[in-house]
Amino acid sequence: MPEKNCLPRCVPVSGRSTREGHAPAHGFAAMARIMKSSPPPTALFASTDSLAVGALHWCRENSVAVPGDLAIVGYDNTEISRYGTLPLTAVNYAADEISRIGVDRILKHIGSRESGHAPDVRLIEPELVIRESA
């Protein structure tokens, strides 16, 4: 088992932790606060690719090497994650499949005269798309 001090220090970044929103500027502002912590994190998981892009921009302006000093992972796998200056590692979730399942459930519920349907739980496994930021 590795020593506790050898584990990466990961900081999640979400709209809640940025206090402002989900735009790249909010990820940039969050990084200014996060990197003041001691010791600084070695990994960052952003709740959106937009926040992660702002974090990448902060790192570039402040000479923090990504992924050398800090690994950054986004969530959405939007087009911006592929085409930025440093392609972003991101969690890709099947938004089209989630949408289809949601619409099917709504239509099923509308077409049914029964009330109190049992929940239909489905696990949709996300995919980690590894690029240059982690």
N, C-alpha and C. Protein backbone atom coordinates (compact mmCIF):
# COMPACT_ATOMS: atom_id res chain seq x y z
N MET A 1 0.85 -1.18 0.00
CA MET A 1 0.00 0.00 0.00
C MET A 1 0.90 1.25 0.00
N PRO A 2 0.63 2.21 -0.92
CA PRO A 2 1.48 3.40 -0.96
C PRO A 2 1.31 4.25 0.28
N GLU A 3 2.38 5.00 0.58
CA GLU A 3 2.30 5.93 1.71
C GLU A 3 1.28 7.01 1.42
N LYS A 4 0.66 7.51 2.46
CA LYS A 4 -0.37 8.54 2.31
C LYS A 4 0.16 9.75 1.55
N ASN A 5 1.38 10.16 1.82
CA ASN A 5 1.95 11.34 1.18
C ASN A 5 2.26 11.12 -0.29
N CYS A 6 2.23 9.88 -0.76
CA CYS A 6 2.52 9.59 -2.16
C CYS A 6 1.27 9.62 -3.03
N LEU A 7 0.11 9.67 -2.43
CA LEU A 7 -1.12 9.69 -3.21
C LEU A 7 -1.32 11.06 -3.84
N PRO A 8 -1.88 11.08 -5.07
CA PRO A 8 -2.16 12.38 -5.66
C PRO A 8 -3.21 13.13 -4.86
N ARG A 9 -3.10 14.43 -4.81
CA ARG A 9 -4.09 15.27 -4.13
C ARG A 9 -5.01 15.82 -5.21
N CYS A 10 -6.23 15.30 -5.27
CA CYS A 10 -7.18 15.69 -6.31
C CYS A 10 -8.21 16.64 -5.74
N VAL A 11 -8.49 17.69 -6.49
CA VAL A 11 -9.50 18.66 -6.08
C VAL A 11 -10.61 18.68 -7.12
N PRO A 12 -11.85 18.36 -6.72
CA PRO A 12 -12.95 18.46 -7.68
C PRO A 12 -13.36 19.92 -7.85
N VAL A 13 -13.69 20.30 -9.07
CA VAL A 13 -14.16 21.65 -9.34
C VAL A 13 -15.51 21.55 -10.01
N SER A 14 -16.52 22.12 -9.38
CA SER A 14 -17.86 22.11 -9.94
C SER A 14 -18.40 23.52 -9.90
N GLY A 15 -19.59 23.70 -10.45
CA GLY A 15 -20.23 25.02 -10.40
C GLY A 15 -20.36 25.51 -8.98
N ARG A 16 -20.60 24.59 -8.04
CA ARG A 16 -20.72 24.97 -6.64
C ARG A 16 -19.41 25.48 -6.07
N SER A 17 -18.31 24.80 -6.43
CA SER A 17 -17.03 25.22 -5.86
C SER A 17 -16.49 26.48 -6.52
N THR A 18 -16.96 26.81 -7.73
CA THR A 18 -16.48 28.02 -8.38
C THR A 18 -17.23 29.24 -7.88
N ARG A 19 -18.37 29.07 -7.28
CA ARG A 19 -19.20 30.13 -6.72
C ARG A 19 -19.79 31.06 -7.76
N GLU A 20 -19.45 30.88 -9.02
CA GLU A 20 -19.96 31.77 -10.04
C GLU A 20 -20.76 31.05 -11.11
N GLY A 21 -20.22 30.03 -11.70
CA GLY A 21 -20.89 29.35 -12.81
C GLY A 21 -19.99 28.32 -13.45
N HIS A 22 -20.26 28.05 -14.72
CA HIS A 22 -19.57 26.96 -15.41
C HIS A 22 -18.74 27.41 -16.61
N ALA A 23 -18.56 28.70 -16.82
CA ALA A 23 -17.80 29.21 -17.95
C ALA A 23 -16.30 29.07 -17.71
N PRO A 24 -15.48 29.09 -18.78
CA PRO A 24 -14.03 29.02 -18.59
C PRO A 24 -13.49 30.06 -17.62
N ALA A 25 -14.05 31.26 -17.63
CA ALA A 25 -13.59 32.30 -16.70
C ALA A 25 -13.79 31.87 -15.25
N HIS A 26 -14.82 31.10 -14.99
CA HIS A 26 -15.06 30.62 -13.62
C HIS A 26 -14.05 29.55 -13.23
N GLY A 27 -13.65 28.71 -14.19
CA GLY A 27 -12.59 27.73 -13.92
C GLY A 27 -11.27 28.42 -13.67
N PHE A 28 -11.01 29.49 -14.40
CA PHE A 28 -9.79 30.28 -14.21
C PHE A 28 -9.76 30.87 -12.80
N ALA A 29 -10.88 31.47 -12.39
CA ALA A 29 -10.97 32.09 -11.06
C ALA A 29 -10.84 31.04 -9.95
N ALA A 30 -11.44 29.88 -10.17
CA ALA A 30 -11.37 28.81 -9.16
C ALA A 30 -9.92 28.34 -8.99
N MET A 31 -9.18 28.27 -10.08
CA MET A 31 -7.78 27.83 -9.99
C MET A 31 -6.95 28.78 -9.15
N ALA A 32 -7.20 30.07 -9.28
CA ALA A 32 -6.46 31.05 -8.48
C ALA A 32 -6.64 30.76 -6.99
N ARG A 33 -7.84 30.36 -6.59
CA ARG A 33 -8.09 30.02 -5.18
C ARG A 33 -7.51 28.65 -4.82
N ILE A 34 -7.74 27.68 -5.70
CA ILE A 34 -7.33 26.30 -5.41
C ILE A 34 -5.82 26.18 -5.28
N MET A 35 -5.08 26.84 -6.13
CA MET A 35 -3.63 26.68 -6.13
C MET A 35 -2.94 27.39 -4.98
N LYS A 36 -3.70 28.14 -4.19
CA LYS A 36 -3.14 28.74 -2.97
C LYS A 36 -3.06 27.73 -1.84
N SER A 37 -3.72 26.57 -1.99
CA SER A 37 -3.73 25.58 -0.91
C SER A 37 -2.34 24.96 -0.76
N SER A 38 -2.09 24.46 0.42
CA SER A 38 -0.80 23.85 0.69
C SER A 38 -1.00 22.45 1.26
N PRO A 39 -0.47 21.45 0.64
CA PRO A 39 0.24 21.48 -0.63
C PRO A 39 -0.75 21.66 -1.79
N PRO A 40 -0.26 22.14 -2.93
CA PRO A 40 -1.16 22.30 -4.07
C PRO A 40 -1.60 20.94 -4.60
N PRO A 41 -2.73 20.89 -5.26
CA PRO A 41 -3.19 19.61 -5.78
C PRO A 41 -2.30 19.10 -6.92
N THR A 42 -2.34 17.80 -7.14
CA THR A 42 -1.62 17.20 -8.27
C THR A 42 -2.59 16.76 -9.35
N ALA A 43 -3.90 16.81 -9.04
CA ALA A 43 -4.92 16.43 -10.01
C ALA A 43 -6.17 17.26 -9.77
N LEU A 44 -6.88 17.55 -10.86
CA LEU A 44 -8.08 18.35 -10.77
C LEU A 44 -9.15 17.72 -11.65
N PHE A 45 -10.34 17.51 -11.10
CA PHE A 45 -11.47 17.00 -11.87
C PHE A 45 -12.52 18.09 -11.93
N ALA A 46 -12.78 18.60 -13.11
CA ALA A 46 -13.76 19.68 -13.29
C ALA A 46 -15.09 19.09 -13.73
N SER A 47 -16.19 19.66 -13.24
CA SER A 47 -17.51 19.11 -13.55
C SER A 47 -17.97 19.41 -14.97
N THR A 48 -17.25 20.28 -15.67
CA THR A 48 -17.54 20.53 -17.09
C THR A 48 -16.22 20.76 -17.82
N ASP A 49 -16.23 20.54 -19.12
CA ASP A 49 -15.05 20.82 -19.91
C ASP A 49 -14.74 22.32 -19.90
N SER A 50 -15.78 23.15 -19.85
CA SER A 50 -15.56 24.60 -19.84
C SER A 50 -14.75 25.04 -18.62
N LEU A 51 -15.09 24.50 -17.45
CA LEU A 51 -14.32 24.83 -16.25
C LEU A 51 -12.88 24.34 -16.39
N ALA A 52 -12.71 23.14 -16.96
CA ALA A 52 -11.37 22.59 -17.14
C ALA A 52 -10.54 23.43 -18.09
N VAL A 53 -11.17 23.95 -19.14
CA VAL A 53 -10.46 24.82 -20.09
C VAL A 53 -9.98 26.09 -19.39
N GLY A 54 -10.81 26.65 -18.53
CA GLY A 54 -10.38 27.82 -17.74
C GLY A 54 -9.22 27.48 -16.83
N ALA A 55 -9.26 26.29 -16.23
CA ALA A 55 -8.17 25.84 -15.36
C ALA A 55 -6.88 25.68 -16.17
N LEU A 56 -6.98 25.11 -17.38
CA LEU A 56 -5.81 24.96 -18.24
C LEU A 56 -5.21 26.33 -18.59
N HIS A 57 -6.07 27.28 -18.87
CA HIS A 57 -5.60 28.63 -19.20
C HIS A 57 -4.86 29.26 -18.01
N TRP A 58 -5.41 29.08 -16.79
CA TRP A 58 -4.74 29.60 -15.59
C TRP A 58 -3.36 28.96 -15.46
N CYS A 59 -3.28 27.66 -15.66
CA CYS A 59 -2.00 26.95 -15.53
C CYS A 59 -0.99 27.48 -16.54
N ARG A 60 -1.41 27.70 -17.78
CA ARG A 60 -0.51 28.21 -18.81
C ARG A 60 0.01 29.60 -18.42
N GLU A 61 -0.87 30.45 -17.91
CA GLU A 61 -0.45 31.81 -17.53
C GLU A 61 0.42 31.85 -16.27
N ASN A 62 0.36 30.79 -15.45
CA ASN A 62 1.08 30.78 -14.18
C ASN A 62 2.17 29.72 -14.13
N SER A 63 2.60 29.26 -15.29
CA SER A 63 3.72 28.31 -15.42
C SER A 63 3.54 27.03 -14.63
N VAL A 64 2.32 26.52 -14.58
CA VAL A 64 2.05 25.22 -13.97
C VAL A 64 1.99 24.22 -15.12
N ALA A 65 2.89 23.25 -15.11
CA ALA A 65 2.98 22.28 -16.20
C ALA A 65 1.84 21.26 -16.11
N VAL A 66 1.09 21.15 -17.19
CA VAL A 66 0.02 20.17 -17.30
C VAL A 66 0.44 19.19 -18.39
N PRO A 67 0.52 17.90 -18.09
CA PRO A 67 0.13 17.20 -16.88
C PRO A 67 1.27 17.00 -15.88
N GLY A 68 2.44 17.55 -16.11
CA GLY A 68 3.59 17.32 -15.23
C GLY A 68 3.36 17.68 -13.78
N ASP A 69 2.92 18.92 -13.51
CA ASP A 69 2.66 19.36 -12.14
C ASP A 69 1.23 19.10 -11.72
N LEU A 70 0.31 19.17 -12.67
CA LEU A 70 -1.12 19.04 -12.36
C LEU A 70 -1.83 18.36 -13.52
N ALA A 71 -2.51 17.26 -13.23
CA ALA A 71 -3.34 16.59 -14.24
C ALA A 71 -4.74 17.21 -14.17
N ILE A 72 -5.34 17.45 -15.33
CA ILE A 72 -6.67 18.05 -15.37
C ILE A 72 -7.58 17.18 -16.23
N VAL A 73 -8.78 16.89 -15.68
CA VAL A 73 -9.78 16.09 -16.37
C VAL A 73 -11.09 16.85 -16.36
N GLY A 74 -11.73 16.90 -17.52
CA GLY A 74 -13.04 17.55 -17.64
C GLY A 74 -14.15 16.53 -17.71
N TYR A 75 -15.38 17.02 -17.79
CA TYR A 75 -16.53 16.14 -17.87
C TYR A 75 -17.48 16.69 -18.92
N ASP A 76 -17.71 15.98 -19.94
CA ASP A 76 -18.65 16.26 -21.04
C ASP A 76 -18.08 15.72 -22.34
N ASN A 77 -16.77 15.86 -22.53
CA ASN A 77 -16.10 15.51 -23.78
C ASN A 77 -16.69 16.31 -24.94
N THR A 78 -16.85 17.59 -24.72
CA THR A 78 -17.35 18.48 -25.76
C THR A 78 -16.26 18.74 -26.79
N GLU A 79 -16.65 19.35 -27.88
CA GLU A 79 -15.71 19.62 -28.97
C GLU A 79 -14.49 20.42 -28.49
N ILE A 80 -14.70 21.33 -27.56
CA ILE A 80 -13.59 22.15 -27.06
C ILE A 80 -12.49 21.29 -26.42
N SER A 81 -12.86 20.13 -25.88
CA SER A 81 -11.85 19.29 -25.22
C SER A 81 -10.87 18.70 -26.23
N ARG A 82 -11.28 18.52 -27.45
CA ARG A 82 -10.41 17.95 -28.48
C ARG A 82 -9.51 18.97 -29.16
N TYR A 83 -9.99 20.20 -29.28
CA TYR A 83 -9.31 21.16 -30.14
C TYR A 83 -8.62 22.30 -29.42
N GLY A 84 -8.52 22.24 -28.10
CA GLY A 84 -7.81 23.29 -27.37
C GLY A 84 -6.31 23.20 -27.60
N THR A 85 -5.58 24.17 -27.12
CA THR A 85 -4.13 24.18 -27.25
C THR A 85 -3.53 22.90 -26.68
N LEU A 86 -4.05 22.46 -25.55
CA LEU A 86 -3.66 21.19 -24.95
C LEU A 86 -4.93 20.34 -24.87
N PRO A 87 -5.04 19.31 -25.71
CA PRO A 87 -6.25 18.48 -25.69
C PRO A 87 -6.54 17.94 -24.29
N LEU A 88 -7.79 18.05 -23.89
CA LEU A 88 -8.24 17.77 -22.53
C LEU A 88 -8.72 16.33 -22.36
N THR A 89 -8.18 15.65 -21.35
CA THR A 89 -8.72 14.36 -20.96
C THR A 89 -10.11 14.61 -20.39
N ALA A 90 -11.09 13.80 -20.81
CA ALA A 90 -12.46 14.08 -20.39
C ALA A 90 -13.28 12.81 -20.23
N VAL A 91 -14.28 12.90 -19.39
CA VAL A 91 -15.25 11.82 -19.23
C VAL A 91 -16.33 12.05 -20.28
N ASN A 92 -16.55 11.04 -21.10
CA ASN A 92 -17.58 11.10 -22.13
C ASN A 92 -18.76 10.26 -21.65
N TYR A 93 -19.90 10.89 -21.54
CA TYR A 93 -21.09 10.14 -21.17
C TYR A 93 -22.04 10.17 -22.37
N ALA A 94 -22.83 9.15 -22.49
CA ALA A 94 -23.70 8.98 -23.65
C ALA A 94 -24.94 9.86 -23.56
N ALA A 95 -24.77 11.15 -23.81
CA ALA A 95 -25.90 12.09 -23.70
C ALA A 95 -27.04 11.71 -24.62
N ASP A 96 -26.72 11.23 -25.82
CA ASP A 96 -27.78 10.85 -26.75
C ASP A 96 -28.57 9.65 -26.22
N GLU A 97 -27.90 8.69 -25.62
CA GLU A 97 -28.57 7.53 -25.04
C GLU A 97 -29.40 7.93 -23.82
N ILE A 98 -28.85 8.78 -22.97
CA ILE A 98 -29.58 9.25 -21.80
C ILE A 98 -30.85 9.99 -22.23
N SER A 99 -30.73 10.82 -23.26
CA SER A 99 -31.90 11.55 -23.77
C SER A 99 -32.95 10.60 -24.32
N ARG A 100 -32.52 9.61 -25.09
CA ARG A 100 -33.46 8.63 -25.67
C ARG A 100 -34.19 7.87 -24.57
N ILE A 101 -33.46 7.43 -23.55
CA ILE A 101 -34.08 6.70 -22.45
C ILE A 101 -35.08 7.60 -21.73
N GLY A 102 -34.71 8.86 -21.50
CA GLY A 102 -35.62 9.79 -20.83
C GLY A 102 -36.90 10.01 -21.61
N VAL A 103 -36.79 10.22 -22.91
CA VAL A 103 -37.98 10.41 -23.75
C VAL A 103 -38.83 9.15 -23.75
N ASP A 104 -38.21 7.98 -23.88
CA ASP A 104 -38.96 6.72 -23.84
C ASP A 104 -39.73 6.57 -22.53
N ARG A 105 -39.11 6.92 -21.42
CA ARG A 105 -39.77 6.82 -20.11
C ARG A 105 -40.96 7.78 -20.02
N ILE A 106 -40.78 8.99 -20.49
CA ILE A 106 -41.88 9.97 -20.46
C ILE A 106 -43.05 9.48 -21.31
N LEU A 107 -42.75 9.01 -22.52
CA LEU A 107 -43.82 8.53 -23.40
C LEU A 107 -44.52 7.31 -22.80
N LYS A 108 -43.76 6.44 -22.19
CA LYS A 108 -44.34 5.26 -21.54
C LYS A 108 -45.27 5.69 -20.41
N HIS A 109 -44.83 6.66 -19.62
CA HIS A 109 -45.62 7.16 -18.50
C HIS A 109 -46.90 7.84 -19.00
N ILE A 110 -46.79 8.63 -20.05
CA ILE A 110 -47.96 9.32 -20.62
C ILE A 110 -48.96 8.31 -21.17
N GLY A 111 -48.46 7.25 -21.82
CA GLY A 111 -49.33 6.25 -22.43
C GLY A 111 -49.92 5.26 -21.46
N SER A 112 -49.45 5.25 -20.23
CA SER A 112 -49.94 4.29 -19.23
C SER A 112 -51.00 4.93 -18.36
N ARG A 113 -51.99 4.16 -18.04
CA ARG A 113 -53.03 4.68 -17.14
C ARG A 113 -52.78 4.28 -15.70
N GLU A 114 -51.73 3.53 -15.50
CA GLU A 114 -51.39 3.12 -14.14
C GLU A 114 -50.61 4.23 -13.45
N SER A 115 -50.78 4.31 -12.16
CA SER A 115 -49.99 5.27 -11.40
C SER A 115 -49.00 4.51 -10.53
N GLY A 116 -47.97 5.18 -10.11
CA GLY A 116 -47.00 4.56 -9.20
C GLY A 116 -46.12 3.53 -9.86
N HIS A 117 -45.53 3.86 -11.01
CA HIS A 117 -44.62 2.95 -11.68
C HIS A 117 -43.40 2.66 -10.82
N ALA A 118 -42.94 1.42 -10.88
CA ALA A 118 -41.70 1.06 -10.20
C ALA A 118 -40.55 1.73 -10.94
N PRO A 119 -39.55 2.21 -10.21
CA PRO A 119 -38.42 2.86 -10.87
C PRO A 119 -37.67 1.89 -11.79
N ASP A 120 -37.23 2.38 -12.90
CA ASP A 120 -36.46 1.61 -13.86
C ASP A 120 -35.04 2.16 -13.82
N VAL A 121 -34.14 1.46 -13.16
CA VAL A 121 -32.78 1.93 -12.98
C VAL A 121 -31.89 1.31 -14.05
N ARG A 122 -31.15 2.16 -14.75
CA ARG A 122 -30.21 1.68 -15.76
C ARG A 122 -28.85 2.32 -15.51
N LEU A 123 -27.83 1.52 -15.64
CA LEU A 123 -26.46 2.02 -15.50
C LEU A 123 -25.91 2.27 -16.89
N ILE A 124 -25.52 3.49 -17.14
CA ILE A 124 -24.90 3.84 -18.41
C ILE A 124 -23.46 4.17 -18.11
N GLU A 125 -22.60 3.32 -18.56
CA GLU A 125 -21.18 3.45 -18.22
C GLU A 125 -20.51 4.55 -19.03
N PRO A 126 -19.88 5.51 -18.35
CA PRO A 126 -19.16 6.56 -19.07
C PRO A 126 -17.83 6.02 -19.59
N GLU A 127 -17.21 6.79 -20.45
CA GLU A 127 -15.92 6.42 -21.03
C GLU A 127 -14.91 7.53 -20.70
N LEU A 128 -13.71 7.14 -20.30
CA LEU A 128 -12.66 8.12 -20.06
C LEU A 128 -11.86 8.25 -21.36
N VAL A 129 -11.88 9.45 -21.92
CA VAL A 129 -11.15 9.73 -23.17
C VAL A 129 -9.83 10.38 -22.77
N ILE A 130 -8.75 9.65 -22.88
CA ILE A 130 -7.45 10.13 -22.42
C ILE A 130 -6.79 10.93 -23.53
N ARG A 131 -6.46 12.17 -23.18
CA ARG A 131 -5.74 13.05 -24.09
C ARG A 131 -4.50 13.57 -23.36
N GLU A 132 -4.04 14.75 -23.68
CA GLU A 132 -2.74 15.21 -23.18
C GLU A 132 -2.74 15.87 -21.81
N SER A 133 -3.90 16.16 -21.22
CA SER A 133 -3.93 16.90 -19.96
C SER A 133 -3.81 16.02 -18.72
N ALA A 134 -3.81 14.72 -18.89
CA ALA A 134 -3.68 13.81 -17.74
C ALA A 134 -3.00 12.53 -18.17
